[in-house]
Every structure is written in C-alpha cells, then in structure tokens.
Protein backbone atom coordinates (compact mmCIF):
# COMPACT_ATOMS: atom_id res chain seq x y z
CA UNK A 1 47.51 1.10 14.53
CA UNK A 2 43.91 2.25 14.48
CA UNK A 3 41.59 0.12 12.40
CA UNK A 4 39.91 2.02 9.60
CA UNK A 5 36.16 2.36 9.98
CA UNK A 6 34.16 -0.21 8.12
CA UNK A 7 32.44 1.12 5.01
CA UNK A 8 28.89 2.21 5.53
CA UNK A 9 26.44 -0.27 4.11
CA UNK A 10 23.71 1.06 1.91
CA UNK A 11 20.24 -0.37 2.20
CA UNK A 12 19.33 -1.58 -1.28
CA UNK A 13 16.34 0.12 -2.83
CA UNK A 14 13.33 -2.12 -3.42
CA UNK A 15 12.71 -3.23 -7.00
CA UNK A 16 10.79 -0.67 -9.01
CA UNK A 17 7.86 -3.06 -9.40
CA UNK A 18 7.57 -3.29 -5.61
CA UNK A 19 7.36 0.51 -5.40
CA UNK A 20 4.64 0.63 -8.08
CA UNK A 21 2.68 -2.16 -6.39
CA UNK A 22 2.90 -0.28 -3.09
CA UNK A 23 1.62 2.89 -4.78
CA UNK A 24 -1.35 0.99 -6.19
CA UNK A 25 -2.08 -0.54 -2.79
CA UNK A 26 -2.06 2.92 -1.18
CA UNK A 27 -4.52 4.21 -3.79
CA UNK A 28 -6.79 1.22 -3.14
CA UNK A 29 -6.67 1.58 0.65
CA UNK A 30 -6.50 5.34 1.19
CA UNK A 31 -7.41 7.05 -2.07
CA UNK A 32 -5.23 8.99 -4.46
CA UNK A 33 -5.17 12.10 -2.27
CA UNK A 34 -3.21 10.17 0.38
CA UNK A 35 -0.52 9.06 -2.09
CA UNK A 36 2.45 11.34 -1.46
CA UNK A 37 6.13 10.81 -2.15
CA UNK A 38 6.82 10.96 1.59
CA UNK A 39 4.06 8.47 2.43
CA UNK A 40 5.09 6.07 -0.32
CA UNK A 41 8.69 6.38 0.77
CA UNK A 42 7.78 5.34 4.30
CA UNK A 43 5.84 2.39 2.90
CA UNK A 44 8.80 1.04 0.92
CA UNK A 45 11.66 2.23 3.12
CA UNK A 46 12.94 4.99 0.85
CA UNK A 47 13.24 8.74 1.18
CA UNK A 48 11.03 10.99 -0.94
CA UNK A 49 14.24 12.33 -2.50
CA UNK A 50 15.25 8.81 -3.49
CA UNK A 51 11.85 8.26 -5.10
CA UNK A 52 12.18 11.53 -7.02
CA UNK A 53 15.57 10.35 -8.27
CA UNK A 54 13.87 7.31 -9.82
CA UNK A 55 10.61 8.91 -10.99
CA UNK A 56 11.50 12.64 -11.40
CA UNK A 57 7.99 13.82 -10.43
CA UNK A 58 4.71 12.65 -9.02
CA UNK A 59 3.23 12.81 -12.52
CA UNK A 60 5.84 10.31 -13.71
CA UNK A 61 5.21 8.08 -10.68
CA UNK A 62 1.48 8.03 -11.45
CA UNK A 63 2.03 7.26 -15.12
CA UNK A 64 4.51 4.48 -14.31
CA UNK A 65 2.06 3.02 -11.79
CA UNK A 66 -0.68 3.13 -14.41
CA UNK A 67 1.56 1.42 -16.96
CA UNK A 68 2.38 -1.28 -14.41
CA UNK A 69 -1.31 -1.81 -13.61
CA UNK A 70 -2.18 -1.83 -17.31
CA UNK A 71 0.52 -4.42 -17.93
CA UNK A 72 -1.19 -6.76 -15.50
CA UNK A 73 -4.61 -6.05 -17.02
CA UNK A 74 -3.18 -6.55 -20.49
CA UNK A 75 -1.89 -9.99 -19.57
CA UNK A 76 -5.30 -10.92 -18.15
CA UNK A 77 -7.03 -9.49 -21.22
CA UNK A 78 -4.75 -11.55 -23.46
CA UNK A 79 -5.66 -14.75 -21.62
CA UNK A 80 -9.37 -13.97 -21.89
CA UNK A 81 -9.30 -13.08 -25.57
CA UNK A 82 -7.21 -16.06 -26.68
CA UNK A 83 -9.03 -18.54 -24.47
CA UNK A 84 -11.83 -20.91 -25.36
CA UNK A 85 -15.38 -19.82 -25.91
CA UNK A 86 -17.31 -17.93 -28.54
CA UNK A 87 -16.42 -14.42 -29.66
CA UNK A 88 -19.60 -13.27 -27.92
CA UNK A 89 -18.47 -14.80 -24.61
CA UNK A 90 -15.02 -13.25 -24.92
CA UNK A 91 -16.54 -9.88 -25.78
CA UNK A 92 -18.51 -10.08 -22.54
CA UNK A 93 -15.28 -10.90 -20.67
CA UNK A 94 -13.57 -7.88 -22.28
CA UNK A 95 -16.35 -5.57 -21.09
CA UNK A 96 -16.30 -7.14 -17.62
CA UNK A 97 -12.57 -6.42 -17.36
CA UNK A 98 -12.96 -2.87 -18.71
CA UNK A 99 -15.74 -1.57 -16.45
CA UNK A 100 -14.73 -0.52 -12.89
CA UNK A 101 -15.65 -2.73 -9.98
CA UNK A 102 -17.36 0.21 -8.30
CA UNK A 103 -16.92 3.65 -6.77
CA UNK A 104 -13.23 4.55 -6.27
CA UNK A 105 -11.97 1.55 -8.21
CA UNK A 106 -8.19 2.10 -7.77
CA UNK A 107 -7.23 1.50 -11.40
CA UNK A 108 -9.88 3.89 -12.70
CA UNK A 109 -9.11 6.41 -9.95
CA UNK A 110 -5.53 6.43 -11.18
CA UNK A 111 -6.58 6.59 -14.84
CA UNK A 112 -8.77 9.64 -14.20
CA UNK A 113 -5.94 11.44 -12.41
CA UNK A 114 -3.46 10.72 -15.20
CA UNK A 115 -6.00 11.90 -17.79
CA UNK A 116 -6.54 15.09 -15.80
CA UNK A 117 -2.81 15.77 -15.53
CA UNK A 118 -2.25 15.01 -19.22
CA UNK A 119 -3.42 18.51 -20.15
CA UNK A 120 0.10 19.68 -19.32
CA UNK A 121 1.95 16.46 -20.15
CA UNK A 122 4.89 16.33 -22.55
CA UNK A 123 4.88 14.42 -25.84
CA UNK A 124 6.50 11.34 -24.30
CA UNK A 125 3.84 11.02 -21.60
CA UNK A 126 1.05 11.52 -24.14
CA UNK A 127 2.55 8.86 -26.41
CA UNK A 128 2.70 6.41 -23.49
CA UNK A 129 -0.95 7.07 -22.63
CA UNK A 130 -1.89 6.60 -26.28
CA UNK A 131 -0.05 3.26 -26.28
CA UNK A 132 -2.22 2.05 -23.38
CA UNK A 133 -5.40 3.14 -25.13
CA UNK A 134 -4.21 1.64 -28.38
CA UNK A 135 -3.72 -1.81 -26.85
CA UNK A 136 -7.33 -1.94 -25.63
CA UNK A 137 -8.55 -0.72 -29.01
CA UNK A 138 -6.54 -3.17 -31.12
CA UNK A 139 -7.66 -6.12 -29.02
CA UNK A 140 -11.30 -5.12 -29.37
CA UNK A 141 -11.00 -4.59 -33.14
CA UNK A 142 -9.42 -8.04 -33.53
CA UNK A 143 -12.14 -9.67 -31.45
CA UNK A 144 -14.95 -7.99 -33.41
CA UNK A 145 -13.30 -8.96 -36.70
CA UNK A 146 -13.03 -12.56 -35.52
CA UNK A 147 -16.70 -12.60 -34.49
CA UNK A 148 -17.68 -11.27 -37.91
CA UNK A 149 -15.62 -13.93 -39.69
CA UNK A 150 -17.30 -16.64 -37.58
CA UNK A 151 -20.77 -15.33 -38.30
CA UNK A 152 -21.45 -14.38 -34.66
CA UNK A 153 -21.40 -10.62 -35.32
CA UNK A 154 -22.94 -8.51 -38.04
CA UNK A 155 -20.60 -7.28 -40.83
CA UNK A 156 -19.84 -3.91 -39.22
CA UNK A 157 -16.71 -1.80 -39.63
CA UNK A 158 -14.70 -3.33 -36.77
CA UNK A 159 -12.53 -0.27 -36.15
CA UNK A 160 -15.47 2.17 -36.08
CA UNK A 161 -17.60 -0.10 -33.92
CA UNK A 162 -14.70 -0.59 -31.49
CA UNK A 163 -14.21 3.18 -31.22
CA UNK A 164 -17.88 3.70 -30.40
CA UNK A 165 -17.90 0.82 -27.93
CA UNK A 166 -14.92 2.19 -26.04
CA UNK A 167 -16.42 5.68 -25.96
CA UNK A 168 -19.56 4.14 -24.43
CA UNK A 169 -17.52 2.12 -21.96
CA UNK A 170 -15.38 5.12 -20.97
CA UNK A 171 -18.39 7.34 -20.35
CA UNK A 172 -20.23 4.80 -18.23
CA UNK A 173 -17.05 3.73 -16.44
CA UNK A 174 -16.33 7.29 -15.33
CA UNK A 175 -19.85 7.45 -13.84
CA UNK A 176 -19.21 4.24 -11.92
CA UNK A 177 -15.73 5.23 -10.76
CA UNK A 178 -16.79 8.62 -9.38
CA UNK A 179 -19.90 7.12 -7.80
CA UNK A 180 -22.44 9.10 -9.80
CA UNK A 181 -25.80 8.49 -8.20
CA UNK A 182 -28.10 6.30 -10.27
CA UNK A 183 -25.33 4.54 -12.19
CA UNK A 184 -23.84 1.30 -10.96
CA UNK A 185 -21.84 -1.49 -12.54
CA UNK A 186 -24.83 -3.79 -13.17
CA UNK A 187 -26.73 -1.01 -14.92
CA UNK A 188 -23.74 -0.25 -17.11
CA UNK A 189 -23.32 -3.88 -18.13
CA UNK A 190 -27.02 -4.02 -19.03
CA UNK A 191 -26.70 -0.90 -21.22
CA UNK A 192 -23.67 -2.35 -22.99
CA UNK A 193 -25.43 -5.68 -23.62
CA UNK A 194 -28.34 -3.77 -25.18
CA UNK A 195 -25.91 -1.79 -27.34
CA UNK A 196 -24.38 -5.02 -28.66
CA UNK A 197 -27.79 -6.63 -29.22
CA UNK A 198 -28.94 -3.61 -31.24
CA UNK A 199 -25.85 -3.16 -33.37
CA UNK A 200 -23.55 -6.19 -33.35
CA UNK A 201 -24.93 -9.58 -32.34
CA UNK A 202 -26.53 -11.96 -34.83
CA UNK A 203 -29.75 -13.62 -33.70
C-alpha cells in the first residue's frame, strides 16, 4: 500500500506589526520610492500577492504603516505629557517630538506621501488620517489648558492657539523633511520658541 503524501506545510505569515516595522525600516534606509510590494515581500518572506491580500493596495499599506508609527509616537507623547516637569518643559518636549529629525525623516516622508495620496482617498482613509491629526491636537490643547490653569501660560483660547501652533509646526516641518535650503531643525525650534515667547509664555 502506497503511503499518502504528507500534507504540504505552509510557512506562517509574519505578524502584521512585523510587516509594518519592515516597511518603516525600508523607508528609513532606502527612501519611499524603493518601497514596493515585491521588495517588502522579499524582506518579510511573503509574496506581493500575499501582501495585497492583507493590505488591498499600496495606499492601504502606507496608511497602516503610518498608523503603526503614529501609535508608537503617541505612546511616547503620552509619557512626555504626563511626566514630571512644568507645562513649559513638556510643551518643549511636544515640539521636539513633532519636528522631523532632518531631511528625509522616515516618519515625515511617509506622512507627506499619505497626505499627497489622500486627494483620492475614500472616506474611511480620510477619517483615519483625521484621527491621527486629532490626537496630536487634543494633547496640545490639554497641555496649553493645563499651563494656563497653573499660571505658566497666558489666558489664550487653547484650541485656537493649538491650531495655529500646529499649522506653524507643519509648515516648518515640511521644509525640514524635504531639505529646503536655509531651513534646518535648530532654526525651526528657535522660531517656535520665539512664537511661544511672543504669544503664550508668562514672564
């Protein structure tokens, strides 16, 4: 009697977080233009078709990777904002976390690409992007309100001041991320400090 062939073993797919981490590493090392489904598949031992089964499209892969990266930043932001120190010190830490490290900062490179692709995004993708933006905004509003209540900040409208601050940070951060000549991280941080001194800080 002939023995039946043993069942073919399937190689288990790596956890989704491992795939997203690998995508972020590829962006950091090679730039976004080198991130392809085929290249990422080789990195994690999956076919591009298998990746498309999980993520449906490259747009979805990029958004998921951004959400994963933002989750890590959000946890770090939470530790900074609930930690010891004055509201002024924690505001400085918030800005330091927000502004890119330099030209081609991988997180900001990814953010810019997702923003660019959002022109044709569906309602679900737009809502997920808005959720990311909303988390940064709410944390900043809460921090400003706390600083006002402690007498460290002037009695400004916390929501309006936060919106203006983030618009300033976004504009300068794009300059840093794309490597605009004449704008570097230290210059941006100096501009932001001056903005706070003029409109927010007491004394």
